[in-house]
């Protein structure tokens, strides 16, 4: 009998240990699952805030009429698994008075960074939980079942993203370059741009840019050395798509009047699509041939309407004419304001080209 009681006590101890262990494991499991849901919700909200901030910034970068804060709602909702999120606030500085100013950062993990330097163009998008049923609380999966936690209804998760925009100081562009004085004359120092395609531009913005001429400088408005008519306009590119990464204040010239096969293809694509391409703009040029070096001014968008180069010619689709005579090598078209599709670094002179990037 004594042995039986001893066995009972041992079995009871094991049972109690199992029950206690199950309770602890259950509690830990409940916490892990609910915390996992919160992290998933946070990731969805952050993705929505990021996408919304980029979308609003891209619109604001092209003008007041396209600076639409409701774009944030679309992207916030489409990044949520249940298709809905709350956009609590869209604020910032766009230079045109469309965006409302942001309040000071609280410095919390879910807040956006401190207000950037005065004049920086940016947008903040704040998002938070919303369920398909309309609740602003993320409901718990198991946490309510824990002891003394029956009144817990869930938590509201928040996120914030910031996107900034401005003219680039580094960028990847087409490996062809134009002088600043040509850009200056064509745009009246950045005040006269053509419209974005597909709108047909007025002939007043149309220009024929001479990449190479035997008649001396083609741009008298610039300082001495600011135009390089003997440089052919090509940049030393390292890729196979007529592109060049410019991440310094200077870049090297390529020799020869004829465009390479990749640049002929790029020009043909630009001509056919009637979409802007982007060029580096130089303020001065030193040296000749392979020793030629351009000094960067900034980056500009240009719609190609025609070109006349050795082995590559297209009549101007805007004027219907061949406007390059003699031994000159020319590209015709018009400058436009626009967003550079490639990434870069903000901080260059404003020549009408901008990039957008997440910054917080």
Protein backbone atom coordinates (compact mmCIF):
# COMPACT_ATOMS: atom_id res chain seq x y z
CA UNK A 1 0.00 0.00 0.00
CA UNK A 2 2.76 2.32 0.90
CA UNK A 3 4.38 1.68 -2.43
CA UNK A 4 1.15 2.50 -4.23
CA UNK A 5 0.77 5.83 -2.41
CA UNK A 6 4.35 6.66 -3.24
CA UNK A 7 3.68 5.92 -6.90
CA UNK A 8 0.53 8.12 -6.78
CA UNK A 9 2.49 11.03 -5.37
CA UNK A 10 5.10 10.65 -8.10
CA UNK A 11 2.48 10.51 -10.83
CA UNK A 12 0.70 13.57 -9.40
CA UNK A 13 3.96 15.52 -9.39
CA UNK A 14 4.59 14.66 -13.02
CA UNK A 15 1.03 15.65 -13.94
CA UNK A 16 1.34 19.00 -12.15
CA UNK A 17 4.65 19.65 -13.88
CA UNK A 18 3.08 18.88 -17.26
CA UNK A 19 0.12 21.16 -16.62
CA UNK A 20 2.34 23.99 -15.45
CA UNK A 21 4.65 23.47 -18.38
CA UNK A 22 1.70 23.46 -20.79
CA UNK A 23 0.44 26.72 -19.32
CA UNK A 24 3.79 28.40 -19.70
CA UNK A 25 4.23 27.05 -23.20
CA UNK A 26 0.71 28.14 -24.11
CA UNK A 27 1.37 31.61 -22.80
CA UNK A 28 4.64 31.86 -24.59
CA UNK A 29 3.06 30.55 -27.78
CA UNK A 30 0.24 33.09 -27.51
CA UNK A 31 2.71 35.94 -27.09
CA UNK A 32 4.90 34.75 -29.97
CA UNK A 33 1.94 34.42 -32.35
CA UNK A 34 0.41 37.78 -31.44
CA UNK A 35 3.77 39.57 -31.60
CA UNK A 36 4.31 37.95 -35.00
CA UNK A 37 0.99 39.39 -36.20
CA UNK A 38 2.06 42.82 -34.96
CA UNK A 39 5.37 42.61 -36.81
CA UNK A 40 3.59 41.51 -39.98
CA UNK A 41 1.16 44.41 -39.64
CA UNK A 42 4.05 46.80 -39.06
CA UNK A 43 5.83 45.55 -42.20
CA UNK A 44 2.67 45.98 -44.31
CA UNK A 45 2.09 49.47 -42.94
CA UNK A 46 5.72 50.43 -43.57
CA UNK A 47 5.59 49.14 -47.13
CA UNK A 48 2.41 51.12 -47.69
CA UNK A 49 3.91 54.27 -46.19
CA UNK A 50 7.07 53.87 -48.31
CA UNK A 51 5.10 53.35 -51.53
CA UNK A 52 2.71 56.17 -50.71
CA UNK A 53 5.50 58.63 -49.92
CA UNK A 54 7.31 57.81 -53.17
CA UNK A 55 4.11 58.18 -55.19
CA UNK A 56 3.22 61.55 -53.68
CA UNK A 57 6.80 62.79 -54.02
CA UNK A 58 6.97 61.83 -57.70
CA UNK A 59 3.79 63.78 -58.32
CA UNK A 60 4.90 66.82 -56.34
CA UNK A 61 8.29 66.85 -58.07
CA UNK A 62 6.61 67.49 -61.43
CA UNK A 63 4.36 70.36 -60.29
CA UNK A 64 1.49 71.55 -58.13
CA UNK A 65 -1.20 70.05 -60.39
CA UNK A 66 0.22 66.54 -59.92
CA UNK A 67 0.99 66.90 -56.20
CA UNK A 68 -1.87 64.65 -55.06
CA UNK A 69 -1.93 63.54 -51.43
CA UNK A 70 -4.64 60.93 -52.04
CA UNK A 71 -2.09 58.80 -53.91
CA UNK A 72 -0.88 57.75 -50.47
CA UNK A 73 -4.23 56.08 -49.73
CA UNK A 74 -4.08 53.90 -52.83
CA UNK A 75 -0.60 52.58 -52.16
CA UNK A 76 -1.14 52.16 -48.42
CA UNK A 77 -4.24 50.07 -49.04
CA UNK A 78 -2.69 47.95 -51.78
CA UNK A 79 0.26 47.02 -49.57
CA UNK A 80 -2.02 45.65 -46.83
CA UNK A 81 -3.03 41.99 -46.94
CA UNK A 82 -6.66 42.86 -46.20
CA UNK A 83 -6.60 45.77 -48.67
CA UNK A 84 -7.11 48.59 -46.16
CA UNK A 85 -4.93 50.84 -44.01
CA UNK A 86 -5.38 54.18 -42.34
CA UNK A 87 -3.41 57.11 -43.73
CA UNK A 88 -3.36 59.39 -40.71
CA UNK A 89 -1.45 62.27 -42.23
CA UNK A 90 0.35 63.40 -45.37
CA UNK A 91 2.50 66.48 -44.85
CA UNK A 92 5.76 68.09 -45.93
CA UNK A 93 7.09 70.88 -48.15
CA UNK A 94 6.63 70.92 -51.93
CA UNK A 95 7.48 74.54 -52.74
CA UNK A 96 4.02 75.20 -54.16
CA UNK A 97 1.95 75.28 -50.97
CA UNK A 98 0.07 72.03 -51.66
CA UNK A 99 1.38 69.99 -48.73
CA UNK A 100 0.58 71.05 -45.18
CA UNK A 101 3.53 71.50 -42.85
CA UNK A 102 4.51 68.66 -40.53
CA UNK A 103 4.52 68.90 -36.75
CA UNK A 104 7.78 68.36 -34.87
CA UNK A 105 8.97 64.77 -34.59
CA UNK A 106 8.37 63.08 -31.24
CA UNK A 107 11.50 61.03 -31.71
CA UNK A 108 9.74 57.71 -31.22
CA UNK A 109 10.49 54.54 -33.18
CA UNK A 110 7.28 54.88 -35.20
CA UNK A 111 7.76 58.57 -36.02
CA UNK A 112 9.44 60.13 -39.03
CA UNK A 113 12.86 61.78 -38.59
CA UNK A 114 13.26 65.37 -37.48
CA UNK A 115 12.19 68.05 -39.95
CA UNK A 116 14.86 68.40 -42.67
CA UNK A 117 16.79 71.56 -43.45
CA UNK A 118 14.78 74.56 -44.62
CA UNK A 119 14.01 74.43 -48.33
CA UNK A 120 14.27 70.64 -48.59
CA UNK A 121 11.35 69.28 -50.58
CA UNK A 122 9.87 66.24 -48.89
CA UNK A 123 6.70 64.41 -47.93
CA UNK A 124 5.91 62.35 -44.82
CA UNK A 125 3.21 59.67 -44.93
CA UNK A 126 1.89 58.32 -41.61
CA UNK A 127 -0.06 55.06 -41.65
CA UNK A 128 -1.76 52.95 -38.97
CA UNK A 129 -3.91 49.86 -38.52
CA UNK A 130 -7.29 49.50 -40.10
CA UNK A 131 -9.08 46.19 -40.55
CA UNK A 132 -11.52 45.22 -43.28
CA UNK A 133 -14.24 45.51 -40.66
CA UNK A 134 -13.38 49.13 -39.95
CA UNK A 135 -11.56 48.66 -36.64
CA UNK A 136 -8.33 50.55 -35.96
CA UNK A 137 -7.06 47.82 -33.62
CA UNK A 138 -5.19 44.70 -34.68
CA UNK A 139 -7.17 41.98 -32.87
CA UNK A 140 -5.27 39.44 -30.76
CA UNK A 141 -5.11 35.80 -31.77
CA UNK A 142 -4.50 34.22 -28.34
CA UNK A 143 -3.35 36.94 -25.95
CA UNK A 144 -6.89 37.59 -24.67
CA UNK A 145 -7.05 34.00 -23.42
CA UNK A 146 -4.20 34.53 -20.97
CA UNK A 147 -5.00 35.02 -17.29
CA UNK A 148 -6.19 38.52 -16.32
CA UNK A 149 -6.08 39.61 -19.98
CA UNK A 150 -9.70 39.20 -21.00
CA UNK A 151 -10.26 42.91 -21.65
CA UNK A 152 -7.39 43.17 -24.16
CA UNK A 153 -8.90 44.10 -27.55
CA UNK A 154 -5.72 44.47 -29.58
CA UNK A 155 -3.23 47.15 -30.49
CA UNK A 156 -2.92 49.91 -33.04
CA UNK A 157 0.27 49.71 -35.10
CA UNK A 158 1.85 52.77 -36.73
CA UNK A 159 4.46 53.51 -39.41
CA UNK A 160 5.90 56.56 -41.14
CA UNK A 161 7.94 57.09 -44.31
CA UNK A 162 9.65 60.13 -45.81
CA UNK A 163 10.55 60.74 -49.44
CA UNK A 164 12.59 63.71 -50.64
CA UNK A 165 13.20 65.06 -54.11
CA UNK A 166 15.53 67.49 -55.84
CA UNK A 167 18.08 67.89 -58.63
CA UNK A 168 20.78 65.18 -58.66
CA UNK A 169 24.48 65.72 -58.21
CA UNK A 170 25.24 62.13 -59.27
CA UNK A 171 23.25 60.07 -61.75
CA UNK A 172 23.30 57.54 -64.57
CA UNK A 173 22.40 59.11 -67.93
CA UNK A 174 22.83 58.70 -71.65
CA UNK A 175 26.50 58.92 -72.71
CA UNK A 176 26.06 62.15 -74.63
CA UNK A 177 26.67 65.61 -73.22
CA UNK A 178 25.56 69.17 -73.98
CA UNK A 179 27.16 72.43 -72.88
CA UNK A 180 25.57 74.59 -70.22
CA UNK A 181 25.47 77.60 -72.54
CA UNK A 182 23.48 75.58 -75.10
CA UNK A 183 21.06 74.56 -72.34
CA UNK A 184 20.95 78.16 -71.06
CA UNK A 185 20.08 79.61 -74.46
CA UNK A 186 17.52 76.90 -75.20
CA UNK A 187 15.67 77.27 -71.88
CA UNK A 188 16.25 80.99 -71.19
CA UNK A 189 18.25 80.04 -68.10
CA UNK A 190 15.79 77.40 -66.95
CA UNK A 191 12.58 79.38 -67.42
CA UNK A 192 11.35 78.02 -70.76
CA UNK A 193 10.86 74.27 -71.09
CA UNK A 194 8.76 72.23 -73.46
CA UNK A 195 5.78 70.21 -72.23
CA UNK A 196 6.04 66.57 -71.31
CA UNK A 197 5.12 64.16 -74.13
CA UNK A 198 2.73 63.35 -75.66
CA UNK A 199 1.80 67.05 -75.74
CA UNK A 200 3.15 68.67 -78.92
CA UNK A 201 5.51 71.51 -78.01
CA UNK A 202 5.54 74.99 -79.57
CA UNK A 203 8.32 75.59 -82.07
CA UNK A 204 9.70 78.28 -79.75
CA UNK A 205 11.29 75.59 -77.53
CA UNK A 206 12.75 73.59 -80.42
CA UNK A 207 16.55 73.62 -80.78
CA UNK A 208 19.22 72.09 -82.99
CA UNK A 209 22.21 71.22 -80.82
CA UNK A 210 25.50 70.93 -82.65
CA UNK A 211 27.62 68.16 -81.19
CA UNK A 212 30.43 68.96 -83.62
CA UNK A 213 30.94 71.88 -85.96
CA UNK A 214 33.77 73.32 -88.00
CA UNK A 215 32.41 76.83 -87.70
CA UNK A 216 33.76 77.69 -84.25
CA UNK A 217 31.82 77.96 -81.01
CA UNK A 218 28.08 77.57 -81.36
CA UNK A 219 27.16 79.19 -78.06
CA UNK A 220 28.40 82.73 -77.52
CA UNK A 221 26.46 83.23 -74.29
CA UNK A 222 28.78 81.10 -72.18
CA UNK A 223 32.20 81.95 -70.76
CA UNK A 224 35.36 81.05 -72.62
CA UNK A 225 35.84 77.29 -72.80
CA UNK A 226 32.21 76.59 -71.95
CA UNK A 227 31.41 75.01 -75.32
CA UNK A 228 33.37 72.22 -76.94
CA UNK A 229 32.41 72.09 -80.63
CA UNK A 230 35.35 69.82 -81.40
CA UNK A 231 34.46 67.22 -78.77
CA UNK A 232 31.64 65.49 -80.70
CA UNK A 233 29.47 65.38 -77.56
CA UNK A 234 30.11 61.75 -76.63
CA UNK A 235 31.00 60.62 -73.13
CA UNK A 236 33.31 57.72 -72.35
CA UNK A 237 30.78 55.05 -71.33
CA UNK A 238 31.66 51.76 -69.70
CA UNK A 239 28.51 49.81 -70.46
CA UNK A 240 26.85 48.41 -73.55
CA UNK A 241 23.70 50.53 -73.46
CA UNK A 242 25.11 54.03 -74.08
CA UNK A 243 24.82 54.93 -70.40
CA UNK A 244 27.32 56.52 -68.06
CA UNK A 245 27.44 56.85 -64.28
CA UNK A 246 28.64 60.30 -63.31
CA UNK A 247 29.54 60.47 -59.63
CA UNK A 248 32.18 63.19 -59.73
CA UNK A 249 32.37 66.79 -60.91
CA UNK A 250 34.27 65.75 -64.03
CA UNK A 251 33.86 63.07 -66.68
CA UNK A 252 35.85 61.96 -69.71
CA UNK A 253 35.18 62.60 -73.38
CA UNK A 254 34.94 59.87 -75.98
CA UNK A 255 36.64 60.38 -79.34
CA UNK A 256 35.21 60.15 -82.83
CA UNK A 257 32.32 61.84 -84.58
CA UNK A 258 30.39 58.64 -85.09
CA UNK A 259 28.20 57.26 -82.34
CA UNK A 260 28.84 53.69 -81.28
CA UNK A 261 26.31 51.00 -82.08
CA UNK A 262 24.78 51.13 -78.59
CA UNK A 263 24.37 54.93 -78.75
CA UNK A 264 22.82 54.75 -82.22
CA UNK A 265 20.32 52.28 -80.80
CA UNK A 266 19.64 54.52 -77.79
CA UNK A 267 19.07 57.55 -80.05
CA UNK A 268 16.77 55.56 -82.32
CA UNK A 269 14.75 54.38 -79.30
CA UNK A 270 14.49 57.93 -77.94
CA UNK A 271 13.41 59.24 -81.35
CA UNK A 272 10.78 56.53 -81.82
CA UNK A 273 9.35 56.65 -78.29
CA UNK A 274 9.31 60.47 -78.10
CA UNK A 275 10.09 60.13 -74.41
CA UNK A 276 12.74 62.24 -72.65
CA UNK A 277 16.32 61.06 -72.32
CA UNK A 278 18.70 62.62 -69.83
CA UNK A 279 22.10 64.16 -70.55
CA UNK A 280 24.88 65.49 -68.34
CA UNK A 281 25.38 69.21 -68.90
CA UNK A 282 28.91 70.62 -68.72
CA UNK A 283 30.14 74.11 -67.86
CA UNK A 284 33.61 73.80 -69.38
CA UNK A 285 35.84 71.42 -71.28
CA UNK A 286 39.59 71.03 -71.14
CA UNK A 287 41.95 69.00 -73.29
CA UNK A 288 41.19 67.27 -76.58
CA UNK A 289 40.64 63.74 -77.84
CA UNK A 290 41.09 61.04 -75.23
CA UNK A 291 42.43 63.70 -72.87
CA UNK A 292 39.23 65.72 -73.01
CA UNK A 293 37.53 66.32 -69.68
CA UNK A 294 34.12 67.86 -69.05
CA UNK A 295 33.21 69.71 -65.85
CA UNK A 296 29.69 68.83 -64.73
CA UNK A 297 27.03 71.48 -64.26
CA UNK A 298 23.99 69.25 -63.78
CA UNK A 299 21.53 67.01 -65.61
CA UNK A 300 18.80 67.85 -68.10
CA UNK A 301 15.94 66.06 -69.85
CA UNK A 302 15.65 66.28 -73.63
CA UNK A 303 13.12 64.97 -76.16
CA UNK A 304 14.87 63.94 -79.38
CA UNK A 305 12.99 65.02 -82.52
CA UNK A 306 15.75 64.34 -85.07
CA UNK A 307 19.48 63.71 -85.47
CA UNK A 308 22.20 63.78 -88.09
CA UNK A 309 25.29 61.73 -87.32
CA UNK A 310 27.65 59.59 -89.39
CA UNK A 311 25.68 56.44 -90.25
CA UNK A 312 22.59 57.53 -88.29
CA UNK A 313 20.06 60.10 -89.52
CA UNK A 314 16.43 60.84 -88.77
CA UNK A 315 14.43 63.74 -90.15
CA UNK A 316 12.93 66.00 -87.49
CA UNK A 317 9.43 64.74 -86.68
CA UNK A 318 8.43 68.10 -85.21
CA UNK A 319 9.50 70.39 -88.06
CA UNK A 320 9.61 67.88 -90.89
CA UNK A 321 13.03 69.22 -91.95
CA UNK A 322 16.69 68.24 -92.08
CA UNK A 323 18.25 71.07 -90.08
CA UNK A 324 21.91 70.07 -89.86
CA UNK A 325 24.07 71.25 -92.77
CA UNK A 326 27.57 70.67 -94.06
CA UNK A 327 29.86 68.64 -91.85
CA UNK A 328 28.04 69.54 -88.64
CA UNK A 329 26.84 66.74 -86.35
CA UNK A 330 23.55 67.59 -84.68
CA UNK A 331 20.71 66.44 -82.45
CA UNK A 332 17.39 68.31 -82.54
CA UNK A 333 14.64 68.46 -79.94
CA UNK A 334 13.59 70.36 -76.84
CA UNK A 335 14.44 70.42 -73.14
CA UNK A 336 11.82 69.35 -70.60
CA UNK A 337 11.49 69.20 -66.85
CA UNK A 338 11.09 65.70 -65.49
CA UNK A 339 12.01 62.86 -63.19
CA UNK A 340 15.17 60.90 -63.82
CA UNK A 341 14.14 57.21 -63.82
CA UNK A 342 17.46 56.07 -62.35
CA UNK A 343 18.64 56.54 -58.79
CA UNK A 344 21.27 59.07 -57.80
CA UNK A 345 22.19 61.55 -55.10
CA UNK A 346 20.24 64.74 -54.48
CA UNK A 347 22.14 68.01 -54.24
CA UNK A 348 23.06 69.31 -57.71
CA UNK A 349 22.13 72.52 -59.56
CA UNK A 350 18.52 72.75 -60.69
CA UNK A 351 18.41 72.25 -64.47
CA UNK A 352 14.87 70.90 -64.48
CA UNK A 353 15.68 67.26 -63.71
CA UNK A 354 14.85 65.67 -60.36
CA UNK A 355 15.18 62.39 -58.52
CA UNK A 356 13.04 60.99 -55.70
CA UNK A 357 14.34 58.82 -52.88
CA UNK A 358 13.25 57.47 -49.51
CA UNK A 359 15.08 59.22 -46.69
CA UNK A 360 13.43 57.99 -43.53
